[in-house]
Protein backbone atom coordinates (compact mmCIF):
# COMPACT_ATOMS: atom_id res chain seq x y z
CA UNK A 1 -40.38 -14.77 46.34
CA UNK A 2 -40.71 -13.45 49.90
CA UNK A 3 -37.35 -14.83 51.07
CA UNK A 4 -35.42 -13.01 48.35
CA UNK A 5 -37.18 -9.75 49.24
CA UNK A 6 -36.23 -10.16 52.90
CA UNK A 7 -32.61 -10.96 52.00
CA UNK A 8 -32.38 -8.07 49.52
CA UNK A 9 -33.79 -5.62 52.05
CA UNK A 10 -31.40 -6.97 54.67
CA UNK A 11 -28.38 -6.50 52.35
CA UNK A 12 -29.55 -3.03 51.36
CA UNK A 13 -30.05 -1.81 54.92
CA UNK A 14 -26.77 -3.34 56.12
CA UNK A 15 -24.99 -1.70 53.19
CA UNK A 16 -26.42 1.65 54.25
CA UNK A 17 -25.17 1.04 57.80
CA UNK A 18 -21.69 0.32 56.45
CA UNK A 19 -21.79 3.48 54.32
CA UNK A 20 -22.89 5.51 57.35
CA UNK A 21 -19.98 4.12 59.36
CA UNK A 22 -17.52 5.04 56.61
CA UNK A 23 -18.95 8.55 56.53
CA UNK A 24 -18.55 8.80 60.32
CA UNK A 25 -14.93 7.69 59.96
CA UNK A 26 -14.28 10.47 57.42
CA UNK A 27 -15.11 12.98 60.14
CA UNK A 28 -12.54 11.52 62.54
CA UNK A 29 -9.25 13.31 62.33
CA UNK A 30 -6.06 11.51 61.42
CA UNK A 31 -2.54 12.87 61.11
CA UNK A 32 -3.28 13.91 57.51
CA UNK A 33 -5.64 16.55 56.19
CA UNK A 34 -8.91 15.20 54.82
CA UNK A 35 -11.76 17.33 53.40
CA UNK A 36 -14.24 14.92 55.00
CA UNK A 37 -13.10 16.27 58.34
CA UNK A 38 -14.84 19.61 57.85
CA UNK A 39 -17.22 19.24 54.90
CA UNK A 40 -20.22 18.47 57.08
CA UNK A 41 -19.72 21.41 59.47
CA UNK A 42 -22.91 23.47 59.37
CA UNK A 43 -22.55 27.16 58.58
CA UNK A 44 -25.24 29.75 59.27
CA UNK A 45 -25.93 30.87 55.68
CA UNK A 46 -28.75 33.43 55.61
CA UNK A 47 -30.30 31.88 58.74
CA UNK A 48 -30.15 28.35 57.30
CA UNK A 49 -27.74 25.70 58.61
CA UNK A 50 -25.86 24.68 55.46
CA UNK A 51 -23.04 22.10 55.21
CA UNK A 52 -19.68 23.67 54.38
CA UNK A 53 -19.23 21.54 51.25
CA UNK A 54 -22.30 23.29 49.76
CA UNK A 55 -20.74 26.72 50.28
CA UNK A 56 -17.11 26.19 49.36
CA UNK A 57 -14.46 24.09 47.68
CA UNK A 58 -12.26 22.25 50.14
CA UNK A 59 -8.81 21.19 48.96
CA UNK A 60 -5.67 19.68 50.49
CA UNK A 61 -2.64 21.58 49.10
CA UNK A 62 -0.27 19.95 51.62
CA UNK A 63 -0.49 16.87 53.82
CA UNK A 64 -1.52 18.83 56.94
CA UNK A 65 -3.27 21.84 55.40
CA UNK A 66 -6.91 22.27 54.41
CA UNK A 67 -7.75 25.15 52.10
CA UNK A 68 -11.29 26.48 51.77
CA UNK A 69 -12.36 28.61 48.80
CA UNK A 70 -15.72 30.10 49.77
CA UNK A 71 -17.92 30.86 46.76
CA UNK A 72 -19.78 33.73 48.45
CA UNK A 73 -17.24 36.06 50.11
CA UNK A 74 -19.94 37.53 52.36
CA UNK A 75 -20.01 34.32 54.42
CA UNK A 76 -16.25 34.03 55.03
CA UNK A 77 -16.63 35.14 58.66
CA UNK A 78 -19.54 32.73 59.20
CA UNK A 79 -17.48 29.83 57.81
CA UNK A 80 -14.55 30.80 60.01
CA UNK A 81 -16.81 31.01 63.08
CA UNK A 82 -18.44 27.64 62.33
CA UNK A 83 -15.03 25.95 62.09
CA UNK A 84 -13.86 27.51 65.36
CA UNK A 85 -17.02 26.52 67.23
CA UNK A 86 -16.96 22.93 65.94
CA UNK A 87 -15.65 20.33 68.38
CA UNK A 88 -12.65 19.57 66.16
CA UNK A 89 -10.32 22.03 67.88
CA UNK A 90 -9.22 23.68 64.63
CA UNK A 91 -8.15 27.30 64.18
CA UNK A 92 -8.69 28.72 60.68
CA UNK A 93 -6.71 31.63 59.24
CA UNK A 94 -8.51 33.94 56.82
CA UNK A 95 -6.50 35.95 54.28
CA UNK A 96 -9.57 37.54 52.69
CA UNK A 97 -9.74 35.15 49.74
CA UNK A 98 -9.02 31.74 51.25
CA UNK A 99 -9.39 30.13 54.62
CA UNK A 100 -6.51 27.86 55.60
CA UNK A 101 -6.46 25.37 58.42
CA UNK A 102 -3.13 23.95 59.49
CA UNK A 103 -3.72 20.73 61.35
CA UNK A 104 -1.48 20.41 64.40
CA UNK A 105 0.19 17.10 65.10
CA UNK A 106 -1.88 14.76 67.21
CA UNK A 107 -0.52 13.85 70.63
CA UNK A 108 -0.31 10.18 71.52
CA UNK A 109 -3.05 10.69 74.11
CA UNK A 110 -5.34 12.27 71.50
CA UNK A 111 -4.59 9.44 69.08
CA UNK A 112 -5.63 6.87 71.69
CA UNK A 113 -8.84 8.82 72.35
CA UNK A 114 -9.58 8.79 68.62
CA UNK A 115 -8.96 5.03 68.49
CA UNK A 116 -11.53 4.63 71.27
CA UNK A 117 -13.96 6.78 69.28
CA UNK A 118 -13.38 4.61 66.20
CA UNK A 119 -14.09 1.48 68.25
CA UNK A 120 -17.23 3.04 69.70
CA UNK A 121 -18.53 4.04 66.26
CA UNK A 122 -17.79 0.54 64.96
CA UNK A 123 -19.71 -1.03 67.83
CA UNK A 124 -22.66 1.27 67.03
CA UNK A 125 -22.46 -0.02 63.46
CA UNK A 126 -22.46 -3.61 64.72
CA UNK A 127 -25.56 -2.90 66.82
CA UNK A 128 -27.28 -1.43 63.77
CA UNK A 129 -26.46 -4.51 61.67
CA UNK A 130 -27.66 -6.84 64.43
CA UNK A 131 -30.93 -4.92 64.70
CA UNK A 132 -31.41 -5.28 60.96
CA UNK A 133 -30.74 -9.02 61.31
CA UNK A 134 -33.27 -9.28 64.14
CA UNK A 135 -35.91 -7.46 62.08
CA UNK A 136 -35.29 -9.74 59.09
CA UNK A 137 -35.58 -12.87 61.25
CA UNK A 138 -38.79 -11.50 62.80
CA UNK A 139 -40.17 -10.97 59.29
CA UNK A 140 -39.38 -14.60 58.45
CA UNK A 141 -41.10 -15.78 61.62
CA UNK A 142 -44.21 -13.80 60.69
CA UNK A 143 -44.18 -15.37 57.23
CA UNK A 144 -44.00 -18.83 58.84
CA UNK A 145 -46.82 -18.06 61.30
CA UNK A 146 -48.96 -16.69 58.44
CA UNK A 147 -48.38 -19.91 56.50
CA UNK A 148 -46.59 -18.15 53.61
CA UNK A 149 -43.28 -19.88 54.30
CA UNK A 150 -42.24 -23.32 55.51
CA UNK A 151 -40.05 -23.81 58.58
CA UNK A 152 -37.22 -25.42 56.61
CA UNK A 153 -37.11 -22.50 54.17
CA UNK A 154 -37.19 -20.12 57.12
CA UNK A 155 -34.20 -21.81 58.78
CA UNK A 156 -32.23 -21.75 55.52
CA UNK A 157 -33.06 -18.06 55.09
CA UNK A 158 -32.02 -17.36 58.70
CA UNK A 159 -28.66 -18.99 57.96
CA UNK A 160 -28.35 -16.78 54.87
CA UNK A 161 -29.17 -13.72 56.97
CA UNK A 162 -26.51 -14.73 59.51
CA UNK A 163 -23.97 -15.13 56.69
CA UNK A 164 -24.83 -11.65 55.38
CA UNK A 165 -24.58 -10.25 58.92
CA UNK A 166 -21.16 -11.84 59.46
CA UNK A 167 -19.98 -10.41 56.13
CA UNK A 168 -21.02 -6.85 57.00
CA UNK A 169 -19.60 -7.05 60.52
CA UNK A 170 -16.30 -8.27 59.03
CA UNK A 171 -16.35 -5.32 56.59
CA UNK A 172 -16.95 -2.93 59.49
CA UNK A 173 -14.08 -4.47 61.44
CA UNK A 174 -11.82 -4.10 58.41
CA UNK A 175 -12.78 -0.42 58.11
CA UNK A 176 -12.11 0.00 61.83
CA UNK A 177 -8.64 -1.55 61.55
CA UNK A 178 -7.77 0.67 58.60
CA UNK A 179 -8.96 3.80 60.38
CA UNK A 180 -7.12 2.89 63.59
CA UNK A 181 -3.89 2.50 61.61
CA UNK A 182 -4.48 5.91 59.98
CA UNK A 183 -5.07 7.52 63.37
CA UNK A 184 -2.00 5.92 64.98
CA UNK A 185 0.25 6.70 62.00
CA UNK A 186 2.66 9.54 62.78
């Protein structure tokens, strides 16, 4: 049935938006070390921009230390350079075999900036979900105008779409609250 297809596509796309938001949150620094912070940094590997997690193993031996075991020792300097030039403000130390990054404590001002970033990313996620809702409702309207769907069924489906939208926005807000607590935690 056409309605189920529209609802399934809506759920699928909103789920992808939620996953994208969670991935964005992994890249936002908290007081603790997290491999997600650096795994997507692109390294120039034989003239190809390659994510760090495809070139090395990233571990967390201590709560504020990231350890990077590069599989190809010839790219150690490139990995180090990529980390330094990223906008994360991290300084790696290279002992020849491993690269270690000691995460400095976040200042209160920096924590508040990160909370603002989390809120901004969440709002972008909300906009994405609302756009998906709008597209789904437009699809229903086209089905009604083409005579493939009755108005009553369309209104019921629009209510279902709104329920799905509210659910995903609530999930995003929950993720935001959790991330804000992580960022503010000392």
